[in-house]
Amino acid sequence: MASIKTDVLQGRISNISSGVELYGRADRGNGINQTNTWTFRIDKKPVSFKTKQNLNFSEGDLITAVGGENNGTFNVTALRNDTTGQIFEPTVGVAKFLGWGLIILGIITIFIFVGFLLIPLGIFFLVASRGGAKAVEILKRTPAV
């Protein structure tokens, strides 16, 4: 299994822009969900961050971000505002619960071949939760700017 890439980016935040991604269908009774999207720069490096939480930072705040780079943009998994001390980290408990639940359900339903779909999906959620937990650990060990 490939290792989960987690890099640390620290510096001053600038060029803050925010938006909202909506998904779901109101006509089916499922409701509409939203994710807050933030783009900014940390010392001239383009950064993207998506979260359900509301962020609280201002131009010039010192930031520590953990994540990985993709196509020249640093995608944040966990973030700390070193100026205010506020921390934004993923909730890994739900992904772990869902991952193990899908694996168990997959084992139970493997005889009707549904399990062959559920088990890999459960493994995906477990790997994702592992990546989030690793990012949180790195963020906690990294000293403030």
Protein backbone atom coordinates (compact mmCIF):
# COMPACT_ATOMS: atom_id res chain seq x y z
CA MET A 1 0.00 0.00 0.00
CA ALA A 2 1.32 3.44 -0.91
CA SER A 3 2.19 5.82 1.85
CA ILE A 4 -0.05 8.80 2.41
CA LYS A 5 1.68 12.02 1.39
CA THR A 6 1.58 14.76 3.98
CA ASP A 7 3.66 17.87 3.65
CA VAL A 8 3.77 20.90 5.93
CA LEU A 9 3.41 24.45 4.62
CA GLN A 10 3.91 27.41 6.95
CA GLY A 11 3.80 31.15 6.43
CA ARG A 12 1.64 34.26 6.09
CA ILE A 13 -1.78 33.98 4.51
CA SER A 14 -2.89 36.33 1.73
CA ASN A 15 -5.38 36.63 -1.15
CA ILE A 16 -8.19 34.94 0.82
CA SER A 17 -11.27 33.94 -1.17
CA SER A 18 -14.18 31.79 -0.01
CA GLY A 19 -17.12 30.04 -1.57
CA VAL A 20 -19.64 27.28 -0.99
CA GLU A 21 -20.16 23.99 -2.83
CA LEU A 22 -23.74 22.75 -2.70
CA TYR A 23 -24.69 19.14 -3.34
CA GLY A 24 -27.73 16.94 -2.87
CA ARG A 25 -31.28 17.20 -4.13
CA ALA A 26 -34.04 19.02 -2.30
CA ASP A 27 -36.74 17.45 -4.52
CA ARG A 28 -35.91 13.96 -3.25
CA GLY A 29 -36.20 14.87 0.42
CA ASN A 30 -32.49 14.36 1.04
CA GLY A 31 -31.83 18.04 1.50
CA ILE A 32 -28.97 20.12 0.24
CA ASN A 33 -25.58 19.92 1.92
CA GLN A 34 -22.77 22.39 1.70
CA THR A 35 -19.01 22.47 1.95
CA ASN A 36 -17.09 25.68 2.54
CA THR A 37 -14.27 26.17 0.06
CA TRP A 38 -11.33 28.48 0.66
CA THR A 39 -8.52 29.47 -1.63
CA PHE A 40 -5.62 31.58 -0.49
CA ARG A 41 -1.86 31.79 -0.60
CA ILE A 42 0.68 30.91 2.02
CA ASP A 43 3.87 32.80 1.13
CA LYS A 44 2.88 32.97 -2.57
CA LYS A 45 1.95 29.23 -2.74
CA PRO A 46 -1.64 28.60 -3.97
CA VAL A 47 -3.67 26.72 -1.35
CA SER A 48 -7.12 25.10 -1.43
CA PHE A 49 -9.10 23.99 1.63
CA LYS A 50 -12.56 22.41 1.82
CA THR A 51 -14.31 21.95 5.14
CA LYS A 52 -17.70 21.85 6.82
CA GLN A 53 -16.29 24.15 9.52
CA ASN A 54 -16.21 27.92 9.30
CA LEU A 55 -12.71 29.31 9.17
CA ASN A 56 -11.56 32.38 11.03
CA PHE A 57 -8.44 33.99 9.68
CA SER A 58 -7.37 37.33 8.25
CA GLU A 59 -4.83 38.61 5.76
CA GLY A 60 -1.35 38.32 7.26
CA ASP A 61 -2.15 35.63 9.86
CA LEU A 62 0.54 32.99 10.33
CA ILE A 63 -0.70 29.57 9.21
CA THR A 64 0.53 25.98 9.46
CA ALA A 65 -1.11 23.63 6.94
CA VAL A 66 -0.71 19.89 6.42
CA GLY A 67 -1.69 18.26 3.13
CA GLY A 68 -0.31 17.50 -0.29
CA GLU A 69 0.36 19.23 -3.57
CA ASN A 70 -1.60 18.49 -6.73
CA ASN A 71 -1.10 20.37 -10.02
CA GLY A 72 0.71 23.23 -8.30
CA THR A 73 -1.94 23.76 -5.60
CA PHE A 74 -1.44 22.70 -1.99
CA ASN A 75 -4.59 20.85 -0.83
CA VAL A 76 -5.03 21.16 2.92
CA THR A 77 -6.08 18.24 5.14
CA ALA A 78 -5.51 19.95 8.53
CA LEU A 79 -4.78 23.59 9.33
CA ARG A 80 -3.78 25.71 12.33
CA ASN A 81 -3.97 29.48 12.56
CA ASP A 82 -0.83 30.19 14.59
CA THR A 83 -1.89 33.80 15.11
CA THR A 84 -5.17 32.88 16.88
CA GLY A 85 -4.43 29.28 17.88
CA GLN A 86 -7.55 27.96 16.11
CA ILE A 87 -7.22 24.43 14.68
CA PHE A 88 -9.17 22.87 11.82
CA GLU A 89 -8.82 19.13 11.53
CA PRO A 90 -10.82 16.39 9.80
CA THR A 91 -13.17 14.19 11.78
CA VAL A 92 -11.77 10.73 11.22
CA GLY A 93 -14.15 8.83 13.51
CA VAL A 94 -17.04 8.83 11.03
CA ALA A 95 -14.82 7.55 8.19
CA LYS A 96 -13.45 4.76 10.41
CA PHE A 97 -16.95 3.75 11.53
CA LEU A 98 -18.25 3.78 7.96
CA GLY A 99 -15.22 1.87 6.69
CA TRP A 100 -15.52 -0.93 9.23
CA GLY A 101 -19.30 -1.02 8.80
CA LEU A 102 -19.00 -1.45 5.03
CA ILE A 103 -16.36 -4.17 5.43
CA ILE A 104 -18.52 -6.12 7.88
CA LEU A 105 -21.60 -5.69 5.69
CA GLY A 106 -19.50 -6.77 2.71
CA ILE A 107 -18.41 -9.95 4.47
CA ILE A 108 -22.02 -10.74 5.38
CA THR A 109 -23.25 -10.17 1.81
CA ILE A 110 -20.31 -11.66 -0.09
CA PHE A 111 -22.36 -14.72 -1.05
CA ILE A 112 -24.70 -12.54 -3.14
CA PHE A 113 -21.70 -10.69 -4.64
CA VAL A 114 -22.64 -7.32 -3.10
CA GLY A 115 -19.74 -7.77 -0.72
CA PHE A 116 -17.28 -7.52 -3.59
CA LEU A 117 -18.35 -3.88 -3.93
CA LEU A 118 -18.74 -3.02 -0.25
CA ILE A 119 -15.40 -4.36 1.00
CA PRO A 120 -13.22 -2.18 -1.31
CA LEU A 121 -15.39 0.84 -0.48
CA GLY A 122 -14.87 0.16 3.23
CA ILE A 123 -11.11 -0.12 2.69
CA PHE A 124 -11.18 3.23 0.86
CA PHE A 125 -12.82 4.91 3.88
CA LEU A 126 -10.31 3.33 6.28
CA VAL A 127 -7.38 4.58 4.19
CA ALA A 128 -8.94 8.06 4.04
CA SER A 129 -9.39 8.12 7.83
CA ARG A 130 -5.78 7.02 8.25
CA GLY A 131 -4.62 9.93 6.09
CA GLY A 132 -6.68 12.41 8.12
CA ALA A 133 -5.35 11.02 11.41
CA LYS A 134 -1.77 11.21 10.10
CA ALA A 135 -2.28 14.86 9.05
CA VAL A 136 -3.65 15.75 12.50
CA GLU A 137 -0.67 14.07 14.19
CA ILE A 138 1.82 15.95 11.99
CA LEU A 139 0.01 19.23 12.69
CA LYS A 140 0.21 18.64 16.45
CA ARG A 141 3.95 17.87 16.27
CA THR A 142 4.80 20.87 14.06
CA PRO A 143 5.80 23.94 16.07
CA ALA A 144 4.01 27.23 15.39
CA VAL A 145 5.52 29.70 12.96
